[in-house]
Amino acid sequence: MGEKGPVVFGRHPVTEALKARAPVQRISVMRDARGLPRELFEMATALEIPVVRTDKDRLDFLSGGANHQGVVAQLGERSLTPFEEWYEIVDRESADLILALDQVQDPQNLGALLRSAEGAGCRHVLLSTAKTCGLTAVVSKSSAGADQHLNIGRTAKLGVALERFRQAGFQVVATVPGAPEEYFQVDYTGPTVLLLGGEGRGLPPHLKRESTHVVNLPMLGKVQSLNVASSGAILLYETVRQRVSQNR
């Protein structure tokens, strides 16, 4: 049966992986699966990617027992792009919105953040390498395939990377519970890095010092903070709201 290797599973994520020209090596489909998108098979044929029929046990093995919806794509190795190579792509595309994440360890949170970023038009995401989840199949599934459309980089020195962006004219907006400035008081219409800390302790002091704005998300209930995926979605779509309003 061979090694599992990296996979994408689920009907929509596999279709998005094909659209994004991800390094799909083989697609395994459950023999009696119904309702699979015709587009999936058409793209696989056009790209000369083999599609094999197999049983549920094989798909359960490939997906680690997750809800694969009858289809699993096996990928070649995909790693995070090193910072310098990633930064060159950012420069070439004149990007003005970056999502930077420090120590996001939960694959569901990372996937949700990537999905929100892609939906908000943020194509460039930078991850710290310390205690950060990799681009696993669960991340791809949680992102609904959005990860395949993003330029995702890595750095062991996130503080240095943030300083470089500040020197290039970006503001760096970090979220910290209890910060004096509220998130909607910031102007997000210019070049912006949105910085979020992972689960647990949040952002370390040296990253807060690299930020031009440290903001909070007001909490009116008993719980005093949102998880990182929810916080990221709010910031990303406040950016969208301001930019759409500006262009009307």
C-alpha atoms as a PDB file:
ATOM      1  CA  MET A   1       0.000   0.000   0.000  1.00  0.00           C
ATOM      2  CA  GLY A   2       2.959   2.358   0.433  1.00  0.00           C
ATOM      3  CA  GLU A   3       3.404   5.434   2.549  1.00  0.00           C
ATOM      4  CA  LYS A   4       0.622   7.937   3.160  1.00  0.00           C
ATOM      5  CA  GLY A   5       2.638  11.061   2.469  1.00  0.00           C
ATOM      6  CA  PRO A   6       1.025  14.517   2.294  1.00  0.00           C
ATOM      7  CA  VAL A   7      -2.607  14.460   1.173  1.00  0.00           C
ATOM      8  CA  VAL A   8      -5.599  16.715   0.569  1.00  0.00           C
ATOM      9  CA  PHE A   9      -9.015  15.219   1.199  1.00  0.00           C
ATOM     10  CA  GLY A  10     -12.605  16.292   0.669  1.00  0.00           C
ATOM     11  CA  ARG A  11     -14.392  17.170  -2.560  1.00  0.00           C
ATOM     12  CA  HIS A  12     -13.937  20.926  -2.497  1.00  0.00           C
ATOM     13  CA  PRO A  13     -10.309  20.966  -1.213  1.00  0.00           C
ATOM     14  CA  VAL A  14      -9.203  18.420  -3.841  1.00  0.00           C
ATOM     15  CA  THR A  15     -10.912  20.401  -6.611  1.00  0.00           C
ATOM     16  CA  GLU A  16      -9.249  23.608  -5.401  1.00  0.00           C
ATOM     17  CA  ALA A  17      -5.876  21.854  -5.254  1.00  0.00           C
ATOM     18  CA  LEU A  18      -6.245  20.902  -8.926  1.00  0.00           C
ATOM     19  CA  LYS A  19      -7.250  24.445  -9.873  1.00  0.00           C
ATOM     20  CA  ALA A  20      -4.177  25.797  -8.095  1.00  0.00           C
ATOM     21  CA  ARG A  21      -1.894  23.300  -9.857  1.00  0.00           C
ATOM     22  CA  ALA A  22      -0.791  21.757  -6.568  1.00  0.00           C
ATOM     23  CA  PRO A  23       1.669  18.855  -6.929  1.00  0.00           C
ATOM     24  CA  VAL A  24      -1.050  16.162  -7.017  1.00  0.00           C
ATOM     25  CA  GLN A  25       0.439  12.757  -7.803  1.00  0.00           C
ATOM     26  CA  ARG A  26      -2.658  10.547  -7.635  1.00  0.00           C
ATOM     27  CA  ILE A  27      -6.348  10.837  -6.750  1.00  0.00           C
ATOM     28  CA  SER A  28      -8.061   7.981  -4.926  1.00  0.00           C
ATOM     29  CA  VAL A  29     -11.853   7.795  -5.136  1.00  0.00           C
ATOM     30  CA  MET A  30     -14.168   5.482  -3.211  1.00  0.00           C
ATOM     31  CA  ARG A  31     -15.720   2.893  -5.524  1.00  0.00           C
ATOM     32  CA  ASP A  32     -19.341   3.663  -4.667  1.00  0.00           C
ATOM     33  CA  ALA A  33     -18.952   7.420  -4.090  1.00  0.00           C
ATOM     34  CA  ARG A  34     -21.770   9.527  -5.520  1.00  0.00           C
ATOM     35  CA  GLY A  35     -21.990  13.222  -6.263  1.00  0.00           C
ATOM     36  CA  LEU A  36     -18.302  13.864  -6.873  1.00  0.00           C
ATOM     37  CA  PRO A  37     -17.780  17.020  -8.968  1.00  0.00           C
ATOM     38  CA  ARG A  38     -17.439  16.340 -12.693  1.00  0.00           C
ATOM     39  CA  GLU A  39     -14.943  19.203 -12.769  1.00  0.00           C
ATOM     40  CA  LEU A  40     -12.610  17.183 -10.541  1.00  0.00           C
ATOM     41  CA  PHE A  41     -12.398  14.338 -13.063  1.00  0.00           C
ATOM     42  CA  GLU A  42     -12.140  16.679 -16.042  1.00  0.00           C
ATOM     43  CA  MET A  43      -9.191  18.552 -14.522  1.00  0.00           C
ATOM     44  CA  ALA A  44      -7.480  15.318 -13.485  1.00  0.00           C
ATOM     45  CA  THR A  45      -7.756  14.057 -17.081  1.00  0.00           C
ATOM     46  CA  ALA A  46      -6.468  17.325 -18.530  1.00  0.00           C
ATOM     47  CA  LEU A  47      -3.516  17.326 -16.129  1.00  0.00           C
ATOM     48  CA  GLU A  48      -2.825  13.602 -16.721  1.00  0.00           C
ATOM     49  CA  ILE A  49      -3.234  12.779 -13.035  1.00  0.00           C
ATOM     50  CA  PRO A  50      -4.232   9.134 -12.427  1.00  0.00           C
ATOM     51  CA  VAL A  51      -7.576   8.533 -10.698  1.00  0.00           C
ATOM     52  CA  VAL A  52      -7.926   5.160  -9.005  1.00  0.00           C
ATOM     53  CA  ARG A  53     -11.021   3.551  -7.489  1.00  0.00           C
ATOM     54  CA  THR A  54     -10.488   2.046  -4.070  1.00  0.00           C
ATOM     55  CA  ASP A  55     -12.323   1.034  -0.919  1.00  0.00           C
ATOM     56  CA  LYS A  56     -13.228   3.109   2.116  1.00  0.00           C
ATOM     57  CA  ASP A  57     -10.562   1.488   4.316  1.00  0.00           C
ATOM     58  CA  ARG A  58      -7.829   2.720   1.988  1.00  0.00           C
ATOM     59  CA  LEU A  59      -9.217   6.275   2.008  1.00  0.00           C
ATOM     60  CA  ASP A  60      -9.569   6.165   5.790  1.00  0.00           C
ATOM     61  CA  PHE A  61      -5.893   5.186   5.993  1.00  0.00           C
ATOM     62  CA  LEU A  62      -4.759   7.927   3.608  1.00  0.00           C
ATOM     63  CA  SER A  63      -6.766  10.623   5.387  1.00  0.00           C
ATOM     64  CA  GLY A  64      -5.981   9.458   8.908  1.00  0.00           C
ATOM     65  CA  GLY A  65      -9.617   8.604   9.554  1.00  0.00           C
ATOM     66  CA  ALA A  66     -10.905  12.096   8.708  1.00  0.00           C
ATOM     67  CA  ASN A  67     -14.080  12.937   6.766  1.00  0.00           C
ATOM     68  CA  HIS A  68     -12.658  12.522   3.255  1.00  0.00           C
ATOM     69  CA  GLN A  69     -16.042  12.570   1.429  1.00  0.00           C
ATOM     70  CA  GLY A  70     -14.895   9.726  -0.794  1.00  0.00           C
ATOM     71  CA  VAL A  71     -11.863  11.409  -2.364  1.00  0.00           C
ATOM     72  CA  VAL A  72      -8.208  11.824  -1.369  1.00  0.00           C
ATOM     73  CA  ALA A  73      -5.419  13.434  -3.417  1.00  0.00           C
ATOM     74  CA  GLN A  74      -1.847  12.377  -2.684  1.00  0.00           C
ATOM     75  CA  LEU A  75       0.647  15.204  -3.088  1.00  0.00           C
ATOM     76  CA  GLY A  76       4.318  15.587  -3.631  1.00  0.00           C
ATOM     77  CA  GLU A  77       6.128  17.250  -0.749  1.00  0.00           C
ATOM     78  CA  ARG A  78       5.087  20.859  -0.149  1.00  0.00           C
ATOM     79  CA  SER A  79       7.062  22.900   2.309  1.00  0.00           C
ATOM     80  CA  LEU A  80       6.773  26.467   3.504  1.00  0.00           C
ATOM     81  CA  THR A  81       8.691  28.935   1.350  1.00  0.00           C
ATOM     82  CA  PRO A  82      11.879  30.340   2.975  1.00  0.00           C
ATOM     83  CA  PHE A  83      11.558  34.004   3.883  1.00  0.00           C
ATOM     84  CA  GLU A  84      13.852  35.557   1.272  1.00  0.00           C
ATOM     85  CA  GLU A  85      12.202  33.666  -1.592  1.00  0.00           C
ATOM     86  CA  TRP A  86       8.753  34.420  -0.158  1.00  0.00           C
ATOM     87  CA  TYR A  87       9.590  38.127   0.247  1.00  0.00           C
ATOM     88  CA  GLU A  88      10.667  38.401  -3.383  1.00  0.00           C
ATOM     89  CA  ILE A  89       7.239  37.163  -4.490  1.00  0.00           C
ATOM     90  CA  VAL A  90       5.586  39.720  -2.204  1.00  0.00           C
ATOM     91  CA  ASP A  91       7.684  42.518  -3.718  1.00  0.00           C
ATOM     92  CA  ARG A  92       6.965  41.484  -7.297  1.00  0.00           C
ATOM     93  CA  GLU A  93       3.228  41.571  -6.765  1.00  0.00           C
ATOM     94  CA  SER A  94       3.242  44.914  -4.897  1.00  0.00           C
ATOM     95  CA  ALA A  95       1.196  43.416  -2.096  1.00  0.00           C
ATOM     96  CA  ASP A  96      -0.132  45.754   0.548  1.00  0.00           C
ATOM     97  CA  LEU A  97      -1.712  43.280   2.984  1.00  0.00           C
ATOM     98  CA  ILE A  98       0.225  40.562   4.836  1.00  0.00           C
ATOM     99  CA  LEU A  99      -0.972  38.139   7.500  1.00  0.00           C
ATOM    100  CA  ALA A 100       1.794  37.230   9.982  1.00  0.00           C
ATOM    101  CA  LEU A 101       1.217  34.442  12.500  1.00  0.00           C
ATOM    102  CA  ASP A 102       3.324  33.487  15.492  1.00  0.00           C
ATOM    103  CA  GLN A 103       3.124  29.999  17.023  1.00  0.00           C
ATOM    104  CA  VAL A 104      -0.286  28.943  15.697  1.00  0.00           C
ATOM    105  CA  GLN A 105      -0.210  25.274  16.627  1.00  0.00           C
ATOM    106  CA  ASP A 106      -3.786  24.099  16.037  1.00  0.00           C
ATOM    107  CA  PRO A 107      -4.289  22.962  12.409  1.00  0.00           C
ATOM    108  CA  GLN A 108      -7.987  23.864  12.527  1.00  0.00           C
ATOM    109  CA  ASN A 109      -7.133  27.436  13.544  1.00  0.00           C
ATOM    110  CA  LEU A 110      -4.432  27.727  10.896  1.00  0.00           C
ATOM    111  CA  GLY A 111      -6.749  26.393   8.216  1.00  0.00           C
ATOM    112  CA  ALA A 112      -9.517  28.800   9.232  1.00  0.00           C
ATOM    113  CA  LEU A 113      -7.067  31.723   9.149  1.00  0.00           C
ATOM    114  CA  LEU A 114      -5.871  30.783   5.664  1.00  0.00           C
ATOM    115  CA  ARG A 115      -9.468  30.533   4.465  1.00  0.00           C
ATOM    116  CA  SER A 116     -10.292  33.986   5.865  1.00  0.00           C
ATOM    117  CA  ALA A 117      -7.110  35.459   4.410  1.00  0.00           C
ATOM    118  CA  GLU A 118      -7.803  34.143   0.921  1.00  0.00           C
ATOM    119  CA  GLY A 119     -11.415  35.291   1.098  1.00  0.00           C
ATOM    120  CA  ALA A 120     -10.304  38.781   2.131  1.00  0.00           C
ATOM    121  CA  GLY A 121      -7.886  39.060  -0.771  1.00  0.00           C
ATOM    122  CA  CYS A 122      -4.770  38.632   1.367  1.00  0.00           C
ATOM    123  CA  ARG A 123      -2.537  36.385  -0.719  1.00  0.00           C
ATOM    124  CA  HIS A 124       0.617  36.411   1.414  1.00  0.00           C
ATOM    125  CA  VAL A 125       0.938  34.712   4.792  1.00  0.00           C
ATOM    126  CA  LEU A 126       4.106  34.516   6.904  1.00  0.00           C
ATOM    127  CA  LEU A 127       4.496  31.958   9.695  1.00  0.00           C
ATOM    128  CA  SER A 128       7.084  31.778  12.449  1.00  0.00           C
ATOM    129  CA  THR A 129       8.854  28.426  12.421  1.00  0.00           C
ATOM    130  CA  ALA A 130       8.843  28.036  16.217  1.00  0.00           C
ATOM    131  CA  LYS A 131       5.945  25.910  17.512  1.00  0.00           C
ATOM    132  CA  THR A 132       3.883  26.435  14.363  1.00  0.00           C
ATOM    133  CA  CYS A 133       1.705  23.851  12.643  1.00  0.00           C
ATOM    134  CA  GLY A 134       2.902  22.702   9.222  1.00  0.00           C
ATOM    135  CA  LEU A 135       0.818  22.576   6.046  1.00  0.00           C
ATOM    136  CA  THR A 136      -0.903  19.323   6.918  1.00  0.00           C
ATOM    137  CA  ALA A 137      -3.923  17.704   5.281  1.00  0.00           C
ATOM    138  CA  VAL A 138      -6.071  18.873   8.199  1.00  0.00           C
ATOM    139  CA  VAL A 139      -4.945  22.461   7.566  1.00  0.00           C
ATOM    140  CA  SER A 140      -5.887  22.162   3.892  1.00  0.00           C
ATOM    141  CA  LYS A 141      -9.253  20.620   4.734  1.00  0.00           C
ATOM    142  CA  SER A 142      -9.988  23.320   7.323  1.00  0.00           C
ATOM    143  CA  SER A 143      -9.067  26.009   4.798  1.00  0.00           C
ATOM    144  CA  ALA A 144     -11.442  24.485   2.195  1.00  0.00           C
ATOM    145  CA  GLY A 145      -8.480  24.425  -0.197  1.00  0.00           C
ATOM    146  CA  ALA A 146      -7.656  28.115   0.246  1.00  0.00           C
ATOM    147  CA  ASP A 147      -4.076  27.222   1.214  1.00  0.00           C
ATOM    148  CA  GLN A 148      -3.446  26.195  -2.390  1.00  0.00           C
ATOM    149  CA  HIS A 149      -3.977  29.788  -3.562  1.00  0.00           C
ATOM    150  CA  LEU A 150      -1.684  31.501  -1.051  1.00  0.00           C
ATOM    151  CA  ASN A 151       1.992  32.379  -0.928  1.00  0.00           C
ATOM    152  CA  ILE A 152       2.878  30.948   2.491  1.00  0.00           C
ATOM    153  CA  GLY A 153       6.341  31.656   3.878  1.00  0.00           C
ATOM    154  CA  ARG A 154       8.325  30.778   6.970  1.00  0.00           C
ATOM    155  CA  THR A 155      10.890  32.574   9.084  1.00  0.00           C
ATOM    156  CA  ALA A 156      12.795  31.782  12.243  1.00  0.00           C
ATOM    157  CA  LYS A 157      13.128  35.529  12.907  1.00  0.00           C
ATOM    158  CA  LEU A 158       9.661  37.010  12.704  1.00  0.00           C
ATOM    159  CA  GLY A 159      10.749  40.174  14.526  1.00  0.00           C
ATOM    160  CA  VAL A 160      13.416  40.854  11.901  1.00  0.00           C
ATOM    161  CA  ALA A 161      10.867  40.256   9.136  1.00  0.00           C
ATOM    162  CA  LEU A 162       8.427  42.707  10.724  1.00  0.00           C
ATOM    163  CA  GLU A 163      11.156  45.340  10.994  1.00  0.00           C
ATOM    164  CA  ARG A 164      11.868  44.889   7.304  1.00  0.00           C
ATOM    165  CA  PHE A 165       8.235  45.493   6.464  1.00  0.00           C
ATOM    166  CA  ARG A 166       8.135  48.607   8.636  1.00  0.00           C
ATOM    167  CA  GLN A 167      11.172  49.943   6.809  1.00  0.00           C
ATOM    168  CA  ALA A 168       9.346  49.281   3.536  1.00  0.00           C
ATOM    169  CA  GLY A 169       6.447  51.486   4.674  1.00  0.00           C
ATOM    170  CA  PHE A 170       4.075  48.946   6.198  1.00  0.00           C
ATOM    171  CA  GLN A 171       2.258  49.449   9.474  1.00  0.00           C
ATOM    172  CA  VAL A 172       2.205  46.390  11.749  1.00  0.00           C
ATOM    173  CA  VAL A 173      -1.064  45.888  13.625  1.00  0.00           C
ATOM    174  CA  ALA A 174      -0.975  43.369  16.478  1.00  0.00           C
ATOM    175  CA  THR A 175      -3.890  42.139  18.575  1.00  0.00           C
ATOM    176  CA  VAL A 176      -3.398  41.964  22.336  1.00  0.00           C
ATOM    177  CA  PRO A 177      -6.209  41.629  24.921  1.00  0.00           C
ATOM    178  CA  GLY A 178      -6.538  44.798  26.995  1.00  0.00           C
ATOM    179  CA  ALA A 179      -4.556  47.022  24.608  1.00  0.00           C
ATOM    180  CA  PRO A 180      -5.585  50.704  24.824  1.00  0.00           C
ATOM    181  CA  GLU A 181      -6.456  51.087  21.111  1.00  0.00           C
ATOM    182  CA  GLU A 182      -9.519  49.359  19.638  1.00  0.00           C
ATOM    183  CA  TYR A 183      -9.074  47.558  16.329  1.00  0.00           C
ATOM    184  CA  PHE A 184     -11.580  49.694  14.374  1.00  0.00           C
ATOM    185  CA  GLN A 185      -9.718  52.908  15.267  1.00  0.00           C
ATOM    186  CA  VAL A 186      -6.853  52.000  12.923  1.00  0.00           C
ATOM    187  CA  ASP A 187      -6.750  52.991   9.238  1.00  0.00           C
ATOM    188  CA  TYR A 188      -6.127  49.773   7.273  1.00  0.00           C
ATOM    189  CA  THR A 189      -6.258  51.286   3.797  1.00  0.00           C
ATOM    190  CA  GLY A 190      -2.463  51.563   3.480  1.00  0.00           C
ATOM    191  CA  PRO A 191       0.195  48.806   3.390  1.00  0.00           C
ATOM    192  CA  THR A 192      -0.498  46.669   6.460  1.00  0.00           C
ATOM    193  CA  VAL A 193       0.813  43.590   8.243  1.00  0.00           C
ATOM    194  CA  LEU A 194      -1.783  41.960  10.506  1.00  0.00           C
ATOM    195  CA  LEU A 195       0.039  40.171  13.342  1.00  0.00           C
ATOM    196  CA  LEU A 196      -1.569  37.525  15.529  1.00  0.00           C
ATOM    197  CA  GLY A 197      -0.157  35.322  18.256  1.00  0.00           C
ATOM    198  CA  GLY A 198      -1.002  31.673  18.660  1.00  0.00           C
ATOM    199  CA  GLU A 199      -2.947  29.779  21.239  1.00  0.00           C
ATOM    200  CA  GLY A 200      -1.849  30.124  24.858  1.00  0.00           C
ATOM    201  CA  ARG A 201       0.429  33.005  25.778  1.00  0.00           C
ATOM    202  CA  GLY A 202      -0.183  35.125  22.672  1.00  0.00           C
ATOM    203  CA  LEU A 203       2.433  37.473  21.262  1.00  0.00           C
ATOM    204  CA  PRO A 204       5.827  37.693  22.987  1.00  0.00           C
ATOM    205  CA  PRO A 205       7.083  41.156  24.063  1.00  0.00           C
ATOM    206  CA  HIS A 206       9.652  41.538  21.271  1.00  0.00           C
ATOM    207  CA  LEU A 207       6.942  41.180  18.607  1.00  0.00           C
ATOM    208  CA  LYS A 208       4.726  43.704  20.349  1.00  0.00           C
ATOM    209  CA  ARG A 209       7.649  46.145  20.219  1.00  0.00           C
ATOM    210  CA  GLU A 210       7.904  45.678  16.452  1.00  0.00           C
ATOM    211  CA  SER A 211       4.248  46.683  16.041  1.00  0.00           C
ATOM    212  CA  THR A 212       3.144  50.190  15.090  1.00  0.00           C
ATOM    213  CA  HIS A 213      -0.327  49.556  16.561  1.00  0.00           C
ATOM    214  CA  VAL A 214      -1.316  47.207  19.374  1.00  0.00           C
ATOM    215  CA  VAL A 215      -5.097  46.825  19.382  1.00  0.00           C
ATOM    216  CA  ASN A 216      -7.781  44.949  21.249  1.00  0.00           C
ATOM    217  CA  LEU A 217     -11.085  43.434  20.146  1.00  0.00           C
ATOM    218  CA  PRO A 218     -13.706  44.671  22.638  1.00  0.00           C
ATOM    219  CA  MET A 219     -15.374  41.856  24.601  1.00  0.00           C
ATOM    220  CA  LEU A 220     -18.731  42.639  26.220  1.00  0.00           C
ATOM    221  CA  GLY A 221     -19.416  39.197  27.670  1.00  0.00           C
ATOM    222  CA  LYS A 222     -17.848  37.100  30.399  1.00  0.00           C
ATOM    223  CA  VAL A 223     -15.128  35.562  28.202  1.00  0.00           C
ATOM    224  CA  GLN A 224     -12.298  38.035  27.714  1.00  0.00           C
ATOM    225  CA  SER A 225     -10.719  36.883  24.463  1.00  0.00           C
ATOM    226  CA  LEU A 226     -11.497  35.232  21.128  1.00  0.00           C
ATOM    227  CA  ASN A 227      -9.464  32.448  19.584  1.00  0.00           C
ATOM    228  CA  VAL A 228      -6.861  33.380  16.994  1.00  0.00           C
ATOM    229  CA  ALA A 229      -8.974  32.265  14.016  1.00  0.00           C
ATOM    230  CA  SER A 230     -11.895  34.486  15.045  1.00  0.00           C
ATOM    231  CA  SER A 231      -9.628  37.439  15.804  1.00  0.00           C
ATOM    232  CA  GLY A 232      -7.928  37.083  12.441  1.00  0.00           C
ATOM    233  CA  ALA A 233     -11.212  36.965  10.555  1.00  0.00           C
ATOM    234  CA  ILE A 234     -12.422  40.160  12.271  1.00  0.00           C
ATOM    235  CA  LEU A 235      -9.228  42.061  11.445  1.00  0.00           C
ATOM    236  CA  LEU A 236      -9.114  40.834   7.853  1.00  0.00           C
ATOM    237  CA  TYR A 237     -12.686  41.853   7.177  1.00  0.00           C
ATOM    238  CA  GLU A 238     -12.314  45.225   8.877  1.00  0.00           C
ATOM    239  CA  THR A 239      -9.533  45.753   6.336  1.00  0.00           C
ATOM    240  CA  VAL A 240     -11.895  44.688   3.542  1.00  0.00           C
ATOM    241  CA  ARG A 241     -14.662  46.989   4.851  1.00  0.00           C
ATOM    242  CA  GLN A 242     -12.414  50.045   4.929  1.00  0.00           C
ATOM    243  CA  ARG A 243     -10.867  49.393   1.524  1.00  0.00           C
ATOM    244  CA  VAL A 244     -14.184  48.731  -0.190  1.00  0.00           C
ATOM    245  CA  SER A 245     -15.653  51.902   1.390  1.00  0.00           C
ATOM    246  CA  GLN A 246     -12.653  53.927   0.226  1.00  0.00           C
ATOM    247  CA  ASN A 247     -13.071  52.766  -3.382  1.00  0.00           C
ATOM    248  CA  ARG A 248     -16.788  53.530  -3.650  1.00  0.00           C
END
